[in-house]
Protein backbone atom coordinates (compact mmCIF):
# COMPACT_ATOMS: atom_id res chain seq x y z
CA MET A 1 18.11 7.62 12.85
CA HIS A 2 16.39 9.81 10.26
CA ARG A 3 14.96 12.92 11.90
CA LYS A 4 11.28 13.70 11.55
CA ILE A 5 10.56 16.52 9.10
CA PRO A 6 8.76 19.30 11.03
CA LYS A 7 5.44 20.63 9.78
CA PHE A 8 4.99 24.12 8.42
CA ALA A 9 2.47 26.38 10.15
CA TYR A 10 -0.03 26.11 7.29
CA GLU A 11 0.12 22.30 7.46
CA GLU A 12 -0.63 22.27 11.20
CA VAL A 13 -3.60 24.64 10.84
CA ALA A 14 -4.92 22.75 7.80
CA ASP A 15 -4.73 19.48 9.74
CA ARG A 16 -6.70 21.03 12.61
CA LEU A 17 -9.44 22.25 10.28
CA GLU A 18 -9.54 18.89 8.51
CA SER A 19 -10.01 17.19 11.89
CA LEU A 20 -12.91 19.54 12.71
CA ILE A 21 -14.50 18.74 9.33
CA GLU A 22 -13.98 15.04 9.95
CA LYS A 23 -15.71 15.34 13.35
CA GLU A 24 -18.48 17.41 11.69
CA VAL A 25 -17.89 20.43 13.89
CA PHE A 26 -17.95 22.08 10.47
CA GLN A 27 -20.53 20.25 8.34
CA VAL A 28 -21.01 20.09 4.58
CA GLY A 29 -22.28 23.49 3.45
CA ASP A 30 -20.93 25.39 6.47
CA ARG A 31 -18.92 28.55 5.96
CA LEU A 32 -15.43 28.32 7.41
CA PRO A 33 -13.63 31.17 9.25
CA SER A 34 -12.52 33.98 6.97
CA VAL A 35 -8.88 34.34 6.00
CA ARG A 36 -8.58 37.28 8.42
CA SER A 37 -10.24 35.30 11.23
CA LEU A 38 -7.87 32.43 10.59
CA ARG A 39 -4.95 34.83 10.79
CA GLU A 40 -6.11 36.20 14.15
CA GLN A 41 -7.11 32.85 15.65
CA TYR A 42 -3.86 31.04 14.89
CA GLY A 43 -1.42 33.95 14.79
CA ILE A 44 -0.45 33.36 11.16
CA SER A 45 -0.04 35.68 8.17
CA ILE A 46 -2.64 36.25 5.45
CA SER A 47 -0.48 34.34 2.95
CA THR A 48 -0.21 31.39 5.36
CA ALA A 49 -3.99 31.40 5.89
CA LEU A 50 -4.48 31.27 2.12
CA GLN A 51 -2.08 28.31 1.97
CA VAL A 52 -4.25 26.56 4.57
CA TYR A 53 -7.35 26.85 2.42
CA HIS A 54 -5.46 25.99 -0.76
CA ARG A 55 -4.31 22.75 0.90
CA LEU A 56 -7.87 21.87 1.96
CA GLU A 57 -9.20 22.84 -1.47
CA ARG A 58 -6.72 20.50 -3.19
CA LYS A 59 -8.06 17.66 -1.06
CA GLY A 60 -11.58 18.47 -2.16
CA LEU A 61 -12.71 19.28 1.38
CA VAL A 62 -13.56 22.95 0.82
CA GLU A 63 -14.55 25.20 -2.05
CA PRO A 64 -14.11 28.96 -2.47
CA ARG A 65 -17.14 31.05 -3.34
CA GLU A 66 -16.59 34.49 -4.80
CA LYS A 67 -17.06 37.28 -2.23
CA SER A 68 -18.37 34.72 0.29
CA GLY A 69 -15.34 32.82 1.57
CA TYR A 70 -14.65 29.08 1.93
CA PHE A 71 -17.29 26.40 2.50
CA VAL A 72 -17.12 22.73 3.49
CA GLN A 73 -17.69 20.63 0.39
CA PHE A 74 -16.93 17.05 1.47
CA SER A 75 -16.85 15.04 4.69
CA ARG A 76 -15.81 11.44 5.00
CA ARG A 77 -18.52 10.94 7.64
CA ARG A 78 -21.16 11.25 4.93
CA HIS A 79 -19.57 8.41 2.95
CA SER A 80 -20.82 4.80 2.97
CA TRP A 81 -17.97 2.84 4.52
CA LEU A 82 -17.28 -0.86 4.28
CA ARG A 83 -17.08 -2.08 7.89
CA GLU A 84 -18.05 -5.77 7.95
CA ASN A 85 -15.52 -8.59 8.07
CA SER A 86 -15.03 -10.63 4.92
CA ASN A 87 -16.58 -14.09 4.99
CA PRO A 88 -14.53 -16.69 3.06
CA ASP A 89 -15.53 -20.36 3.36
CA LEU A 90 -12.45 -21.40 5.44
CA VAL A 91 -11.45 -24.22 3.08
CA ALA A 92 -7.80 -24.68 2.09
CA ARG A 93 -7.68 -25.03 -1.68
CA PRO A 94 -5.27 -24.83 -4.65
CA VAL A 95 -5.07 -21.52 -6.51
CA THR A 96 -6.44 -21.31 -10.05
CA ILE A 97 -6.43 -17.61 -10.94
CA ALA A 98 -3.32 -17.35 -13.15
CA GLU A 99 -5.23 -17.14 -16.43
CA ILE A 100 -7.59 -14.31 -15.46
CA VAL A 101 -4.82 -12.37 -13.65
CA THR A 102 -2.73 -12.55 -16.81
CA GLU A 103 -5.66 -11.21 -18.83
CA VAL A 104 -6.20 -8.27 -16.48
CA ARG A 105 -2.50 -7.43 -16.20
CA ASP A 106 -1.82 -7.72 -19.95
CA SER A 107 -4.72 -5.39 -20.75
CA ALA A 108 -3.11 -2.68 -18.58
CA ALA A 109 -0.23 -2.36 -21.08
CA ARG A 110 -2.45 -0.78 -23.73
CA GLU A 111 -1.60 2.84 -24.55
CA GLY A 112 -3.94 5.66 -23.64
CA LEU A 113 -5.76 4.06 -20.72
CA VAL A 114 -7.03 5.96 -17.69
CA ASN A 115 -5.25 4.09 -14.92
CA LEU A 116 -7.52 3.32 -11.98
CA SER A 117 -5.90 -0.05 -11.35
CA SER A 118 -2.16 0.11 -10.65
CA PRO A 119 -0.96 0.94 -7.09
CA MET A 120 2.30 2.40 -8.27
CA PRO A 121 3.44 6.03 -8.05
CA PRO A 122 4.01 7.69 -11.44
CA PRO A 123 7.34 9.39 -12.28
CA GLU A 124 6.00 12.87 -11.49
CA LEU A 125 5.65 11.86 -7.82
CA LEU A 126 9.18 10.44 -7.61
CA PRO A 127 12.56 12.19 -7.15
CA ALA A 128 13.69 11.47 -10.71
CA ALA A 129 16.26 14.31 -10.88
CA HIS A 130 17.94 13.28 -7.63
CA LEU A 131 18.02 9.63 -8.70
CA HIS A 132 19.57 10.67 -12.00
CA THR A 133 22.26 12.58 -10.08
CA ALA A 134 22.86 9.52 -7.92
CA MET A 135 23.34 7.41 -11.06
CA LEU A 136 25.95 9.82 -12.48
CA GLN A 137 27.76 9.96 -9.14
CA THR A 138 27.79 6.17 -8.95
CA ILE A 139 29.28 5.91 -12.43
CA ARG A 140 31.95 8.52 -11.68
CA GLN A 141 32.92 7.36 -8.23
CA PHE A 142 32.77 3.58 -8.60
CA LYS A 143 33.68 2.95 -12.25
CA PRO A 144 35.22 -0.51 -11.90
CA ASP A 145 33.49 -1.59 -8.73
CA TYR A 146 29.81 -1.70 -9.73
CA LEU A 147 30.71 -3.86 -12.76
CA ARG A 148 31.66 -6.73 -10.46
CA TYR A 149 29.33 -9.36 -9.07
CA PRO A 150 27.91 -8.07 -5.78
CA MET A 151 27.87 -10.11 -2.61
CA ASP A 152 24.91 -12.48 -2.83
CA GLN A 153 23.40 -10.99 0.33
CA GLY A 154 23.54 -7.43 -1.04
CA ASP A 155 25.66 -4.30 -1.36
CA GLU A 156 27.03 -3.29 2.04
CA ARG A 157 26.28 0.42 1.57
CA LEU A 158 22.65 -0.29 0.74
CA GLN A 159 22.32 -2.75 3.61
CA ARG A 160 23.62 -0.05 5.94
CA GLN A 161 21.03 2.45 4.68
CA ILE A 162 18.19 -0.07 5.01
CA ALA A 163 19.32 -0.78 8.57
CA ILE A 164 19.23 2.98 9.29
CA LEU A 165 15.73 3.26 7.79
CA SER A 166 14.48 0.44 10.01
CA ALA A 167 15.15 2.59 13.07
CA ARG A 168 12.08 4.64 12.11
CA TRP A 169 9.85 1.74 13.18
CA GLY A 170 11.96 0.79 16.16
CA GLY A 171 14.01 -1.89 14.46
CA THR A 172 17.47 -2.80 15.75
CA VAL A 173 18.69 -4.27 12.49
CA SER A 174 22.29 -4.92 11.51
CA GLU A 175 23.61 -5.07 7.96
CA GLU A 176 24.04 -8.84 8.22
CA ASP A 177 20.32 -9.24 8.96
CA ILE A 178 19.38 -7.93 5.50
CA VAL A 179 19.17 -9.84 2.21
CA VAL A 180 18.69 -7.56 -0.82
CA THR A 181 16.30 -8.91 -3.46
CA HIS A 182 14.81 -8.17 -6.91
CA GLY A 183 11.86 -6.28 -5.45
CA CYS A 184 9.43 -7.36 -2.76
CA MET A 185 7.88 -10.18 -4.78
CA GLU A 186 11.20 -12.02 -4.99
CA ALA A 187 11.53 -11.58 -1.24
CA ILE A 188 8.06 -13.13 -0.77
CA SER A 189 8.91 -15.98 -3.13
CA LEU A 190 12.18 -16.74 -1.33
CA CYS A 191 10.41 -16.76 2.01
CA LEU A 192 7.72 -19.17 0.80
CA GLN A 193 10.37 -21.52 -0.55
CA ALA A 194 12.30 -21.33 2.72
CA VAL A 195 9.39 -22.23 5.00
CA ALA A 196 7.02 -24.36 2.88
CA LYS A 197 6.88 -27.06 0.22
CA PRO A 198 4.41 -28.11 -2.49
CA GLY A 199 1.07 -29.16 -1.03
CA ASP A 200 1.48 -27.07 2.14
CA THR A 201 -1.18 -24.62 3.31
CA ILE A 202 -0.50 -20.87 3.50
CA ILE A 203 -2.86 -18.61 5.46
CA THR A 204 -3.70 -15.23 3.89
CA GLU A 205 -6.11 -12.39 4.46
CA SER A 206 -9.31 -12.38 2.42
CA PRO A 207 -9.17 -10.59 0.05
CA THR A 208 -5.45 -10.67 -0.63
CA PHE A 209 -3.05 -9.43 -3.30
CA TYR A 210 -3.31 -11.51 -6.47
CA GLY A 211 0.49 -11.55 -6.82
CA PHE A 212 0.65 -13.63 -3.65
CA LEU A 213 -1.92 -16.03 -5.04
CA GLN A 214 -0.03 -16.39 -8.31
CA THR A 215 3.22 -17.14 -6.48
CA ILE A 216 1.52 -19.73 -4.28
CA GLN A 217 -0.10 -21.28 -7.36
CA HIS A 218 3.29 -21.49 -9.09
CA MET A 219 4.71 -23.31 -6.04
CA ASP A 220 1.79 -25.77 -5.99
CA MET A 221 0.72 -24.80 -2.47
CA LYS A 222 -2.76 -24.26 -1.03
CA VAL A 223 -4.33 -21.11 0.35
CA LEU A 224 -6.54 -20.79 3.40
CA GLU A 225 -8.21 -17.37 3.36
CA LEU A 226 -9.39 -16.04 6.72
CA PRO A 227 -11.98 -13.38 7.57
CA THR A 228 -10.46 -9.91 7.54
CA ASN A 229 -11.74 -6.61 8.87
CA PRO A 230 -11.42 -3.71 6.39
CA VAL A 231 -10.00 -1.48 9.15
CA THR A 232 -8.04 -3.74 11.52
CA GLY A 233 -6.93 -6.64 9.33
CA ILE A 234 -7.09 -10.42 9.76
CA CYS A 235 -9.37 -11.70 12.55
CA LEU A 236 -7.09 -13.18 15.21
CA ASP A 237 -9.80 -15.38 16.75
CA LYS A 238 -10.35 -17.09 13.38
CA LEU A 239 -6.59 -17.42 12.96
CA GLU A 240 -6.22 -19.11 16.34
CA THR A 241 -9.03 -21.53 15.50
CA ALA A 242 -7.43 -22.38 12.15
CA LEU A 243 -4.02 -23.00 13.73
CA GLY A 244 -5.58 -25.35 16.26
CA ARG A 245 -7.42 -27.41 13.65
CA ARG A 246 -4.96 -27.95 10.83
CA LYS A 247 -1.29 -27.91 9.94
CA VAL A 248 -0.23 -24.59 8.47
CA ALA A 249 3.19 -23.93 6.91
CA ALA A 250 3.11 -20.12 7.16
CA CYS A 251 1.02 -16.96 7.25
CA LEU A 252 1.47 -14.41 4.45
CA LEU A 253 0.03 -11.06 5.55
CA VAL A 254 0.14 -7.33 4.80
CA ASN A 255 -0.40 -5.92 8.28
CA SER A 256 0.03 -2.25 7.35
CA PHE A 257 -2.25 -1.00 4.54
CA ASN A 258 -3.21 -4.28 2.97
CA ASN A 259 -3.66 -4.46 -0.78
CA PRO A 260 -6.56 -4.22 -1.70
CA LEU A 261 -8.35 -3.41 1.59
CA GLY A 262 -5.99 -0.79 3.00
CA SER A 263 -6.51 -2.26 6.49
CA CYS A 264 -3.90 -1.60 9.18
CA MET A 265 -3.69 -3.91 12.18
CA PRO A 266 -3.43 -2.01 15.49
CA GLN A 267 -0.12 -2.35 17.33
CA LYS A 268 -1.63 -4.35 20.18
CA GLU A 269 -3.02 -6.90 17.75
CA LYS A 270 0.28 -7.11 15.83
CA LYS A 271 1.97 -8.08 19.08
CA GLU A 272 -0.76 -10.66 19.77
CA LEU A 273 -0.35 -12.00 16.21
CA VAL A 274 3.38 -12.59 16.70
CA GLN A 275 2.81 -14.22 20.09
CA LEU A 276 0.06 -16.45 18.71
CA LEU A 277 2.17 -17.67 15.79
CA GLY A 278 5.10 -18.14 18.16
CA ARG A 279 3.08 -20.56 20.28
CA TYR A 280 2.42 -22.70 17.22
CA GLU A 281 5.91 -22.17 15.73
CA VAL A 282 4.34 -20.92 12.48
CA PRO A 283 6.40 -18.42 10.43
CA LEU A 284 4.91 -15.07 9.47
CA ILE A 285 5.89 -13.69 6.06
CA GLU A 286 5.15 -9.99 6.47
CA ASP A 287 4.88 -7.72 3.42
CA ASP A 288 5.52 -4.18 4.71
CA ILE A 289 5.88 -2.51 1.31
CA TYR A 290 3.20 0.11 2.10
CA GLY A 291 4.36 0.85 5.66
CA ASP A 292 6.00 4.17 4.74
CA LEU A 293 2.84 5.42 3.00
CA TYR A 294 0.89 6.25 6.16
CA GLN A 295 -1.38 9.30 6.40
CA GLY A 296 -1.26 9.79 10.18
CA GLU A 297 1.40 11.23 12.44
CA HIS A 298 3.46 8.08 12.91
CA ARG A 299 4.64 5.15 10.86
CA PRO A 300 2.97 1.93 12.04
CA ARG A 301 5.43 -0.55 13.51
CA PRO A 302 5.51 -3.84 11.62
CA ALA A 303 5.00 -7.20 13.30
CA LYS A 304 8.76 -7.70 13.01
CA TYR A 305 9.19 -5.21 15.87
CA TYR A 306 7.64 -7.77 18.25
CA ASP A 307 9.55 -10.78 16.94
CA ARG A 308 11.70 -12.50 19.58
CA LYS A 309 11.95 -15.96 18.04
CA GLY A 310 13.09 -15.14 14.49
CA LEU A 311 9.80 -16.41 13.05
CA VAL A 312 8.86 -13.16 11.27
CA LEU A 313 10.28 -12.81 7.76
CA HIS A 314 9.91 -9.09 7.06
CA CYS A 315 9.79 -8.08 3.36
CA SER A 316 9.78 -4.65 1.75
CA SER A 317 10.94 -2.68 -1.28
CA PHE A 318 11.58 0.77 -2.75
CA SER A 319 9.10 0.02 -5.55
CA LYS A 320 6.15 1.90 -4.02
CA THR A 321 8.10 4.86 -2.67
CA LEU A 322 11.19 5.59 -4.73
CA ALA A 323 11.93 3.68 -7.93
CA PRO A 324 9.47 1.01 -9.17
CA GLY A 325 11.56 0.19 -12.24
CA MET A 326 14.76 -0.50 -10.29
CA ARG A 327 13.19 -3.54 -8.58
CA ILE A 328 15.24 -3.35 -5.39
CA GLY A 329 13.73 -4.90 -2.26
CA TRP A 330 14.88 -6.76 0.81
CA VAL A 331 13.99 -9.30 3.47
CA LEU A 332 14.86 -9.55 7.15
CA PRO A 333 14.68 -13.35 7.29
CA GLY A 334 15.20 -14.03 10.99
CA ARG A 335 16.11 -17.65 11.69
CA TYR A 336 15.78 -18.49 7.97
CA ARG A 337 18.65 -16.29 6.85
CA GLU A 338 21.06 -18.98 5.64
CA ARG A 339 18.31 -20.88 3.84
CA ILE A 340 17.15 -17.78 1.99
CA ILE A 341 20.68 -16.74 1.00
CA ARG A 342 21.26 -20.23 -0.40
CA ILE A 343 18.00 -20.27 -2.38
CA LYS A 344 18.64 -16.78 -3.75
CA TYR A 345 22.15 -17.71 -4.88
CA MET A 346 20.82 -20.75 -6.75
CA GLN A 347 18.09 -18.73 -8.49
CA SER A 348 19.57 -15.30 -9.25
CA ILE A 349 22.93 -14.96 -7.42
CA ALA A 350 22.26 -11.35 -6.40
CA ALA A 351 20.25 -8.21 -7.11
CA ASN A 352 21.56 -5.67 -9.64
CA HIS A 353 24.74 -4.20 -8.15
CA PHE A 354 24.65 -0.88 -10.00
CA LEU A 355 21.06 -0.13 -8.99
CA GLN A 356 21.79 -1.08 -5.39
CA ARG A 357 24.64 1.44 -5.41
CA VAL A 358 22.43 4.12 -6.99
CA ILE A 359 19.78 3.79 -4.30
CA ALA A 360 22.43 3.72 -1.57
CA GLN A 361 23.96 6.89 -3.06
CA TYR A 362 20.57 8.59 -3.03
CA LEU A 363 19.75 7.54 0.54
CA GLU A 364 23.08 8.86 1.77
CA THR A 365 21.98 12.38 0.76
CA ASN A 366 19.26 12.30 3.46
CA ARG A 367 16.62 13.47 0.98
CA TYR A 368 14.43 10.37 1.30
CA GLU A 369 12.40 11.43 4.33
CA ARG A 370 11.48 14.77 2.75
CA HIS A 371 10.48 12.99 -0.46
CA LEU A 372 8.28 10.57 1.51
CA LYS A 373 6.52 13.46 3.19
CA LYS A 374 5.64 14.97 -0.20
CA LEU A 375 4.56 11.59 -1.58
CA ARG A 376 2.34 10.85 1.42
CA HIS A 377 0.66 14.23 1.09
CA ALA A 378 0.07 13.74 -2.64
CA LEU A 379 -1.48 10.31 -2.04
CA SER A 380 -3.68 11.71 0.74
CA VAL A 381 -4.95 14.43 -1.60
CA GLN A 382 -5.57 11.93 -4.41
CA MET A 383 -7.45 9.56 -2.11
CA MET A 384 -9.75 12.34 -0.89
CA GLN A 385 -10.41 13.48 -4.45
CA THR A 386 -11.26 9.91 -5.47
CA LEU A 387 -13.58 9.40 -2.48
CA LYS A 388 -15.30 12.69 -3.20
CA ALA A 389 -15.92 11.63 -6.81
CA ILE A 390 -17.22 8.23 -5.69
CA GLN A 391 -19.64 9.94 -3.30
CA HIS A 392 -20.81 12.28 -6.07
CA TYR A 393 -21.15 9.86 -8.99
CA PHE A 394 -21.78 6.37 -7.57
CA PRO A 395 -25.11 5.04 -6.29
CA GLU A 396 -25.62 5.28 -2.54
CA GLN A 397 -25.44 1.52 -1.95
CA VAL A 398 -21.78 1.42 -2.98
CA CYS A 399 -19.53 1.07 0.10
CA SER A 400 -15.78 1.67 0.16
CA THR A 401 -12.90 1.38 2.56
CA CYS A 402 -11.29 4.44 4.13
CA PRO A 403 -7.61 3.50 4.45
CA GLN A 404 -5.12 5.48 6.50
CA GLY A 405 -2.32 4.68 4.07
CA GLY A 406 -1.32 2.75 0.97
CA MET A 407 -2.70 3.39 -2.51
CA THR A 408 -5.94 1.44 -2.95
CA LEU A 409 -9.66 1.55 -2.19
CA TRP A 410 -11.80 -1.58 -1.98
CA LEU A 411 -15.41 -1.10 -3.13
CA GLN A 412 -18.49 -3.22 -2.55
CA LEU A 413 -20.80 -2.70 -5.53
CA PRO A 414 -24.54 -3.40 -5.74
CA PRO A 415 -25.19 -7.18 -5.42
CA LYS A 416 -26.17 -7.74 -9.05
CA VAL A 417 -23.10 -5.99 -10.53
CA ASP A 418 -20.41 -8.31 -11.89
CA SER A 419 -17.11 -6.42 -11.59
CA TYR A 420 -15.49 -8.57 -14.28
CA LEU A 421 -18.15 -7.48 -16.78
CA LEU A 422 -17.63 -3.91 -15.54
CA TYR A 423 -13.88 -4.30 -16.14
CA GLN A 424 -14.53 -5.46 -19.72
CA ALA A 425 -16.98 -2.65 -20.43
CA ALA A 426 -14.64 -0.03 -18.93
CA LEU A 427 -11.76 -1.28 -21.08
CA LYS A 428 -13.80 -0.42 -24.17
CA GLN A 429 -13.95 3.14 -22.79
CA ASP A 430 -10.15 3.18 -22.28
CA ILE A 431 -10.52 2.83 -18.50
CA HIS A 432 -8.56 0.18 -16.63
CA LEU A 433 -9.97 -1.36 -13.45
CA THR A 434 -9.17 -4.41 -11.32
CA PRO A 435 -12.17 -6.72 -10.72
CA GLY A 436 -12.55 -8.24 -7.27
CA LEU A 437 -12.45 -11.88 -8.31
CA VAL A 438 -8.64 -11.83 -8.83
CA PHE A 439 -8.07 -11.20 -5.10
CA SER A 440 -9.31 -14.57 -3.92
CA THR A 441 -9.29 -18.30 -4.64
CA GLN A 442 -13.07 -18.10 -4.17
CA LYS A 443 -14.10 -16.28 -7.32
CA ASP A 444 -17.76 -15.70 -6.51
CA THR A 445 -17.00 -14.25 -3.06
CA TYR A 446 -15.81 -10.93 -4.53
CA ARG A 447 -17.75 -10.95 -7.79
CA ASN A 448 -19.36 -7.58 -6.94
CA TYR A 449 -16.19 -5.97 -5.54
CA LEU A 450 -13.70 -3.65 -7.21
CA ARG A 451 -10.24 -2.29 -6.40
CA LEU A 452 -9.50 1.32 -7.34
CA SER A 453 -6.02 2.80 -7.16
CA TYR A 454 -5.47 6.47 -6.31
CA ALA A 455 -1.73 6.41 -7.05
CA GLU A 456 -2.03 8.66 -10.11
CA PRO A 457 -2.59 12.43 -9.74
CA TRP A 458 -6.20 13.52 -10.04
CA ASN A 459 -7.26 15.08 -13.35
CA SER A 460 -10.34 15.57 -15.52
CA ALA A 461 -9.82 12.22 -17.29
CA LYS A 462 -9.97 10.38 -13.98
CA GLU A 463 -13.08 12.26 -12.91
CA GLN A 464 -14.75 11.45 -16.23
CA ALA A 465 -13.78 7.78 -15.76
CA ILE A 466 -15.33 7.73 -12.27
CA ALA A 467 -18.44 9.40 -13.67
CA TRP A 468 -18.71 6.74 -16.40
CA ILE A 469 -18.40 3.94 -13.82
CA GLY A 470 -21.15 5.62 -11.79
CA GLN A 471 -23.45 5.65 -14.81
CA TYR A 472 -22.71 1.96 -15.43
CA LEU A 473 -23.51 1.06 -11.82
CA LYS A 474 -26.83 2.91 -11.94
CA LYS A 475 -28.06 0.88 -14.91
CA PRO A 476 -30.30 -2.15 -14.19
CA HIS A 477 -28.25 -5.37 -14.05
């Protein structure tokens, strides 16, 4: 099992102060303890106390004032949060969003855009040098071997490392349980093919990731979107009602840090979800790609942890945490293992052998956990900076989610704002956004919603982009 990376003293003290700001013990405008007071109170050095305030300053929570000390600048309690459940119409319908999704995705390829749309870490947040070393080591050590076809289920060294990583969420996974795929989306596609056929109904959250909807559309299946809470995920009472009223082939859910909502289902409800689906013998395709990007103390356990019947098909990838361009993912397919291996062999034989070996080589150095810690901190800082800018520049009636992980914020805009028209106007200003209508089969339901990504480091261009959006939203519509 990978050991937990201990916190430095400045991190522990900064977390305590952040908690006090969050609880409004220290309110916006309050002066915080001096550097010397912090040193005496927590038994730390002056340099460590300065690191504490530097960490909070980077998050946008405090600001230094010359000869006066540090003051609280931002509190999430003052923000307008989105708390109500979504309200889709509970009708199973075919998906028809491929054309507009293609338009939005193609426009992102233009050079020079301010990226507020893509939930993907940029190279500066990834261990590029260590991956490069792993590539050279793979070439030197396994010259003839990586040129061969790999086993269709995956490279054994990588499977072993994925099995080791699963221990962090309590998994007892063997190498044979793992099928390596071309990223998480291939894993999702294989799972849908294994458990459903054209015309079948797939239950999803509402809103849900447009990539899921595109895949379901390609397979000529239907989607039934269910009400979803922006904090706790899909509403289990509505799910139970739906299962009792109609035949459902599978559920396709992101239980930990849903894209776009950022919701994370509590552990008790994940267990209830697995038990509920078990009673109806309905498979759960679980996308856990954001599970490692938590902001709290512990990684949330996936629904797979509670699976006793082999009905949970657990999918993930290194695309959001390590190497997006390598497209290496995996699935723990439960009782559908043989079916998925057969489908994968017919469609692509196996994932890239060389890249599997490179990632395995990197993971064997035990650097991954330390990298994840740095990445999680960077994303936490970037989220806070984005929320602070939203609070400063956007009209008060704008509500947003407050995720505890992942890379995206979901915003409810004023009722008369059409986020597709906003997307088009922003594109003319070299700003790329993702309008809400691509996250549902029911286009009008999320017409005045917007997804913002905070995956990219904060800079003046991003702040100017947020400021421009705020000006747009304040205009009469």
